[in-house]
Amino acid sequence: MIERVVAIGGPPGSGKSTAGRRVVGALGLTFYSAGEEFRAGAKARGMDVEEFGRYAESHPEVDRTLDDRMQALARPGVLLDGRLQGVLCRRRGIPVYSIVVTATEAERARRVAERDHQPLAEALRRIRERTASERQRYRDLYGIDIDADPGDFSVDSTSLTPEAVAAEILKFLPARPVEGKS
């Protein structure tokens, strides 16, 4: 068991959720995703993620409620997947291993285009819009420059498989994988 919360952040399409799920499987942690919650909120309002992001720009309760809900789940044995969960844990005095997964913008756009079955140019536009919206919202709401937080450990996933990204994270974390998993 890991004695801290594990938080994985990174920009859209970096592979943070994919890596997080593999780490969870290897270590027997519980997975919670801020991105999944945000997408569910968008869907419930009949919006796509970018529209909901624009809505959240003028409705700070969207992010505040989501982040408070995620932070309430922060405890040992949990992996929080979300852009700023590591920073928020630190600010709230919650012991955390804050991990940042990065990738080049071109690779992130390629991944999002493939995942969402859309043209590459559309995926690039969408990740740029999401990134700009999140950057501004987090600065306005929390005074956080998300691009300036390196976390405790960072891995560039651009040319790595999801398994290799997870393996790098597992090498960093001071825990042993669950018996029979890697």
C-alpha atoms as a PDB file:
ATOM      1  CA  MET A   1       0.000   0.000   0.000  1.00  0.00           C
ATOM      2  CA  ILE A   2       1.196   3.472  -0.824  1.00  0.00           C
ATOM      3  CA  GLU A   3       1.111   5.778   2.184  1.00  0.00           C
ATOM      4  CA  ARG A   4       0.081   8.831   0.142  1.00  0.00           C
ATOM      5  CA  VAL A   5      -2.443   9.830  -2.468  1.00  0.00           C
ATOM      6  CA  VAL A   6      -1.167   9.366  -6.016  1.00  0.00           C
ATOM      7  CA  ALA A   7      -2.215  12.229  -8.295  1.00  0.00           C
ATOM      8  CA  ILE A   8      -1.604  12.122 -12.034  1.00  0.00           C
ATOM      9  CA  GLY A   9      -1.951  15.297 -14.049  1.00  0.00           C
ATOM     10  CA  GLY A  10      -1.047  16.497 -17.487  1.00  0.00           C
ATOM     11  CA  PRO A  11      -2.577  18.176 -20.508  1.00  0.00           C
ATOM     12  CA  PRO A  12      -5.365  16.670 -22.637  1.00  0.00           C
ATOM     13  CA  GLY A  13      -4.136  13.676 -24.639  1.00  0.00           C
ATOM     14  CA  SER A  14      -0.930  13.208 -22.657  1.00  0.00           C
ATOM     15  CA  GLY A  15      -1.895   9.697 -21.575  1.00  0.00           C
ATOM     16  CA  LYS A  16      -2.442  10.441 -17.878  1.00  0.00           C
ATOM     17  CA  SER A  17      -5.684   8.473 -17.612  1.00  0.00           C
ATOM     18  CA  THR A  18      -4.356   5.497 -19.540  1.00  0.00           C
ATOM     19  CA  ALA A  19      -1.210   5.414 -17.421  1.00  0.00           C
ATOM     20  CA  GLY A  20      -3.230   5.949 -14.255  1.00  0.00           C
ATOM     21  CA  ARG A  21      -5.450   2.964 -14.986  1.00  0.00           C
ATOM     22  CA  ARG A  22      -2.405   0.737 -15.492  1.00  0.00           C
ATOM     23  CA  VAL A  23      -0.827   1.957 -12.239  1.00  0.00           C
ATOM     24  CA  VAL A  24      -4.108   1.318 -10.416  1.00  0.00           C
ATOM     25  CA  GLY A  25      -4.192  -2.225 -11.794  1.00  0.00           C
ATOM     26  CA  ALA A  26      -0.610  -2.903 -10.780  1.00  0.00           C
ATOM     27  CA  LEU A  27      -0.903  -1.493  -7.259  1.00  0.00           C
ATOM     28  CA  GLY A  28      -4.523  -2.248  -6.389  1.00  0.00           C
ATOM     29  CA  LEU A  29      -5.429   1.418  -5.940  1.00  0.00           C
ATOM     30  CA  THR A  30      -8.847   2.988  -6.426  1.00  0.00           C
ATOM     31  CA  PHE A  31      -9.135   5.256  -9.496  1.00  0.00           C
ATOM     32  CA  TYR A  32     -11.055   8.542  -9.615  1.00  0.00           C
ATOM     33  CA  SER A  33     -10.970  10.805 -12.657  1.00  0.00           C
ATOM     34  CA  ALA A  34     -11.743  14.525 -12.615  1.00  0.00           C
ATOM     35  CA  GLY A  35     -11.883  14.417 -16.415  1.00  0.00           C
ATOM     36  CA  GLU A  36     -14.557  11.724 -16.389  1.00  0.00           C
ATOM     37  CA  GLU A  37     -16.567  13.744 -13.872  1.00  0.00           C
ATOM     38  CA  PHE A  38     -16.184  16.883 -15.997  1.00  0.00           C
ATOM     39  CA  ARG A  39     -17.265  15.028 -19.161  1.00  0.00           C
ATOM     40  CA  ALA A  40     -20.279  13.631 -17.295  1.00  0.00           C
ATOM     41  CA  GLY A  41     -21.199  17.167 -16.210  1.00  0.00           C
ATOM     42  CA  ALA A  42     -20.933  18.358 -19.802  1.00  0.00           C
ATOM     43  CA  LYS A  43     -23.094  15.514 -21.073  1.00  0.00           C
ATOM     44  CA  ALA A  44     -25.727  16.129 -18.387  1.00  0.00           C
ATOM     45  CA  ARG A  45     -26.018  19.709 -19.670  1.00  0.00           C
ATOM     46  CA  GLY A  46     -26.066  18.681 -23.341  1.00  0.00           C
ATOM     47  CA  MET A  47     -22.638  20.227 -23.987  1.00  0.00           C
ATOM     48  CA  ASP A  48     -19.341  18.977 -25.297  1.00  0.00           C
ATOM     49  CA  VAL A  49     -16.241  19.358 -23.130  1.00  0.00           C
ATOM     50  CA  GLU A  50     -15.148  22.627 -24.747  1.00  0.00           C
ATOM     51  CA  GLU A  51     -18.607  24.201 -24.369  1.00  0.00           C
ATOM     52  CA  PHE A  52     -18.729  23.100 -20.744  1.00  0.00           C
ATOM     53  CA  GLY A  53     -15.247  24.569 -20.239  1.00  0.00           C
ATOM     54  CA  ARG A  54     -16.470  27.915 -21.559  1.00  0.00           C
ATOM     55  CA  TYR A  55     -19.500  27.630 -19.261  1.00  0.00           C
ATOM     56  CA  ALA A  56     -17.196  26.910 -16.311  1.00  0.00           C
ATOM     57  CA  GLU A  57     -15.220  30.083 -17.100  1.00  0.00           C
ATOM     58  CA  SER A  58     -18.182  32.147 -15.888  1.00  0.00           C
ATOM     59  CA  HIS A  59     -19.467  29.575 -13.376  1.00  0.00           C
ATOM     60  CA  PRO A  60     -16.589  28.868 -10.972  1.00  0.00           C
ATOM     61  CA  GLU A  61     -18.806  26.584  -8.901  1.00  0.00           C
ATOM     62  CA  VAL A  62     -18.348  23.936 -11.626  1.00  0.00           C
ATOM     63  CA  ASP A  63     -14.619  23.556 -10.948  1.00  0.00           C
ATOM     64  CA  ARG A  64     -14.880  24.250  -7.234  1.00  0.00           C
ATOM     65  CA  THR A  65     -17.520  21.554  -6.726  1.00  0.00           C
ATOM     66  CA  LEU A  66     -15.633  19.027  -8.855  1.00  0.00           C
ATOM     67  CA  ASP A  67     -12.320  19.715  -7.130  1.00  0.00           C
ATOM     68  CA  ASP A  68     -13.853  19.577  -3.661  1.00  0.00           C
ATOM     69  CA  ARG A  69     -15.441  16.230  -4.542  1.00  0.00           C
ATOM     70  CA  MET A  70     -12.100  14.880  -5.829  1.00  0.00           C
ATOM     71  CA  GLN A  71     -10.211  16.169  -2.809  1.00  0.00           C
ATOM     72  CA  ALA A  72     -12.725  14.511  -0.463  1.00  0.00           C
ATOM     73  CA  LEU A  73     -11.594  11.197  -2.021  1.00  0.00           C
ATOM     74  CA  ALA A  74      -7.892  11.913  -1.436  1.00  0.00           C
ATOM     75  CA  ARG A  75      -6.401   9.284   0.874  1.00  0.00           C
ATOM     76  CA  PRO A  76      -3.804   6.516   0.739  1.00  0.00           C
ATOM     77  CA  GLY A  77      -4.832   3.787  -1.672  1.00  0.00           C
ATOM     78  CA  VAL A  78      -6.371   6.265  -4.119  1.00  0.00           C
ATOM     79  CA  LEU A  79      -5.152   7.571  -7.470  1.00  0.00           C
ATOM     80  CA  LEU A  80      -6.641  10.906  -8.506  1.00  0.00           C
ATOM     81  CA  ASP A  81      -6.523  11.609 -12.244  1.00  0.00           C
ATOM     82  CA  GLY A  82      -6.834  15.331 -12.919  1.00  0.00           C
ATOM     83  CA  ARG A  83      -4.866  18.345 -14.088  1.00  0.00           C
ATOM     84  CA  LEU A  84      -4.442  20.020 -10.723  1.00  0.00           C
ATOM     85  CA  GLN A  85      -5.281  17.410  -8.102  1.00  0.00           C
ATOM     86  CA  GLY A  86      -1.637  17.074  -7.020  1.00  0.00           C
ATOM     87  CA  VAL A  87      -1.323  20.827  -6.494  1.00  0.00           C
ATOM     88  CA  LEU A  88      -4.599  20.968  -4.584  1.00  0.00           C
ATOM     89  CA  CYS A  89      -3.557  18.065  -2.344  1.00  0.00           C
ATOM     90  CA  ARG A  90      -0.315  19.874  -1.475  1.00  0.00           C
ATOM     91  CA  ARG A  91      -2.168  23.121  -0.764  1.00  0.00           C
ATOM     92  CA  ARG A  92      -4.541  21.282   1.560  1.00  0.00           C
ATOM     93  CA  GLY A  93      -1.723  19.509   3.389  1.00  0.00           C
ATOM     94  CA  ILE A  94      -2.604  16.080   1.996  1.00  0.00           C
ATOM     95  CA  PRO A  95       0.469  13.876   1.502  1.00  0.00           C
ATOM     96  CA  VAL A  96       0.688  13.214  -2.235  1.00  0.00           C
ATOM     97  CA  TYR A  97       2.898  11.848  -4.957  1.00  0.00           C
ATOM     98  CA  SER A  98       2.204  14.338  -7.727  1.00  0.00           C
ATOM     99  CA  ILE A  99       3.006  12.916 -11.162  1.00  0.00           C
ATOM    100  CA  VAL A 100       2.813  14.826 -14.432  1.00  0.00           C
ATOM    101  CA  VAL A 101       2.484  13.034 -17.766  1.00  0.00           C
ATOM    102  CA  THR A 102       3.429  15.162 -20.772  1.00  0.00           C
ATOM    103  CA  ALA A 103       3.629  14.732 -24.536  1.00  0.00           C
ATOM    104  CA  THR A 104       4.179  17.004 -27.497  1.00  0.00           C
ATOM    105  CA  GLU A 105       1.161  18.892 -28.730  1.00  0.00           C
ATOM    106  CA  ALA A 106       1.301  17.049 -32.061  1.00  0.00           C
ATOM    107  CA  GLU A 107       1.223  13.643 -30.360  1.00  0.00           C
ATOM    108  CA  ARG A 108      -1.541  14.690 -28.000  1.00  0.00           C
ATOM    109  CA  ALA A 109      -3.633  15.885 -30.945  1.00  0.00           C
ATOM    110  CA  ARG A 110      -3.011  12.605 -32.780  1.00  0.00           C
ATOM    111  CA  ARG A 111      -4.164  10.613 -29.750  1.00  0.00           C
ATOM    112  CA  VAL A 112      -7.281  12.706 -29.206  1.00  0.00           C
ATOM    113  CA  ALA A 113      -8.160  12.512 -32.922  1.00  0.00           C
ATOM    114  CA  GLU A 114      -7.853   8.734 -32.801  1.00  0.00           C
ATOM    115  CA  ARG A 115      -9.741   8.356 -29.525  1.00  0.00           C
ATOM    116  CA  ASP A 116     -12.587  10.693 -30.487  1.00  0.00           C
ATOM    117  CA  HIS A 117     -12.719   9.704 -34.183  1.00  0.00           C
ATOM    118  CA  GLN A 118     -12.205  13.218 -35.501  1.00  0.00           C
ATOM    119  CA  PRO A 119      -9.890  14.965 -37.974  1.00  0.00           C
ATOM    120  CA  LEU A 120      -6.441  15.865 -36.634  1.00  0.00           C
ATOM    121  CA  ALA A 121      -6.991  19.602 -37.153  1.00  0.00           C
ATOM    122  CA  GLU A 122     -10.211  19.426 -35.126  1.00  0.00           C
ATOM    123  CA  ALA A 123      -8.490  17.548 -32.307  1.00  0.00           C
ATOM    124  CA  LEU A 124      -5.662  20.097 -32.251  1.00  0.00           C
ATOM    125  CA  ARG A 125      -8.133  22.980 -32.076  1.00  0.00           C
ATOM    126  CA  ARG A 126     -10.042  21.275 -29.277  1.00  0.00           C
ATOM    127  CA  ILE A 127      -7.003  20.518 -27.082  1.00  0.00           C
ATOM    128  CA  ARG A 128      -5.737  24.072 -27.535  1.00  0.00           C
ATOM    129  CA  GLU A 129      -9.131  25.445 -26.528  1.00  0.00           C
ATOM    130  CA  ARG A 130      -9.370  23.136 -23.508  1.00  0.00           C
ATOM    131  CA  THR A 131      -5.827  23.918 -22.409  1.00  0.00           C
ATOM    132  CA  ALA A 132      -6.371  27.685 -22.635  1.00  0.00           C
ATOM    133  CA  SER A 133      -9.688  27.478 -20.783  1.00  0.00           C
ATOM    134  CA  GLU A 134      -8.259  25.316 -17.992  1.00  0.00           C
ATOM    135  CA  ARG A 135      -5.166  27.516 -17.660  1.00  0.00           C
ATOM    136  CA  GLN A 136      -7.316  30.634 -17.223  1.00  0.00           C
ATOM    137  CA  ARG A 137      -9.887  29.008 -14.932  1.00  0.00           C
ATOM    138  CA  TYR A 138      -7.262  27.563 -12.573  1.00  0.00           C
ATOM    139  CA  ARG A 139      -5.406  30.869 -12.457  1.00  0.00           C
ATOM    140  CA  ASP A 140      -8.598  32.814 -11.737  1.00  0.00           C
ATOM    141  CA  LEU A 141     -10.083  30.343  -9.241  1.00  0.00           C
ATOM    142  CA  TYR A 142      -6.992  29.149  -7.366  1.00  0.00           C
ATOM    143  CA  GLY A 143      -4.092  31.360  -8.433  1.00  0.00           C
ATOM    144  CA  ILE A 144      -2.444  28.259  -9.919  1.00  0.00           C
ATOM    145  CA  ASP A 145      -0.299  28.327 -13.053  1.00  0.00           C
ATOM    146  CA  ILE A 146      -0.790  24.696 -14.023  1.00  0.00           C
ATOM    147  CA  ASP A 147       2.021  24.854 -16.584  1.00  0.00           C
ATOM    148  CA  ALA A 148       4.506  25.881 -13.895  1.00  0.00           C
ATOM    149  CA  ASP A 149       3.944  22.873 -11.622  1.00  0.00           C
ATOM    150  CA  PRO A 150       6.436  20.109 -12.426  1.00  0.00           C
ATOM    151  CA  GLY A 151       5.020  17.689  -9.848  1.00  0.00           C
ATOM    152  CA  ASP A 152       7.258  15.316  -7.923  1.00  0.00           C
ATOM    153  CA  PHE A 153       7.878  13.202 -11.011  1.00  0.00           C
ATOM    154  CA  SER A 154       7.326  13.807 -14.701  1.00  0.00           C
ATOM    155  CA  VAL A 155       7.327  11.447 -17.663  1.00  0.00           C
ATOM    156  CA  ASP A 156       7.166  12.408 -21.338  1.00  0.00           C
ATOM    157  CA  SER A 157       4.867   9.909 -23.006  1.00  0.00           C
ATOM    158  CA  THR A 158       5.406  11.152 -26.566  1.00  0.00           C
ATOM    159  CA  SER A 159       7.328   8.116 -27.767  1.00  0.00           C
ATOM    160  CA  LEU A 160       6.416   5.641 -25.027  1.00  0.00           C
ATOM    161  CA  THR A 161       3.735   2.981 -24.955  1.00  0.00           C
ATOM    162  CA  PRO A 162       1.139   3.253 -22.195  1.00  0.00           C
ATOM    163  CA  GLU A 163       2.801   0.244 -20.527  1.00  0.00           C
ATOM    164  CA  ALA A 164       6.172   2.000 -20.572  1.00  0.00           C
ATOM    165  CA  VAL A 165       4.680   5.185 -19.075  1.00  0.00           C
ATOM    166  CA  ALA A 166       3.073   3.157 -16.295  1.00  0.00           C
ATOM    167  CA  ALA A 167       6.357   1.298 -15.730  1.00  0.00           C
ATOM    168  CA  GLU A 168       8.198   4.611 -15.267  1.00  0.00           C
ATOM    169  CA  ILE A 169       5.586   5.761 -12.750  1.00  0.00           C
ATOM    170  CA  LEU A 170       5.749   2.430 -10.910  1.00  0.00           C
ATOM    171  CA  LYS A 171       9.549   2.765 -10.639  1.00  0.00           C
ATOM    172  CA  PHE A 172       9.036   6.171  -9.018  1.00  0.00           C
ATOM    173  CA  LEU A 173       6.371   5.101  -6.529  1.00  0.00           C
ATOM    174  CA  PRO A 174       7.602   3.444  -3.313  1.00  0.00           C
ATOM    175  CA  ALA A 175       5.294   0.439  -3.377  1.00  0.00           C
ATOM    176  CA  ARG A 176       5.234  -3.086  -4.682  1.00  0.00           C
ATOM    177  CA  PRO A 177       2.800  -4.167  -7.361  1.00  0.00           C
ATOM    178  CA  VAL A 178      -0.142  -6.329  -6.375  1.00  0.00           C
ATOM    179  CA  GLU A 179       0.768 -10.020  -6.506  1.00  0.00           C
ATOM    180  CA  GLY A 180       0.489 -11.357 -10.051  1.00  0.00           C
ATOM    181  CA  LYS A 181       0.280  -7.899 -11.717  1.00  0.00           C
ATOM    182  CA  SER A 182       2.913  -5.711 -13.305  1.00  0.00           C
END
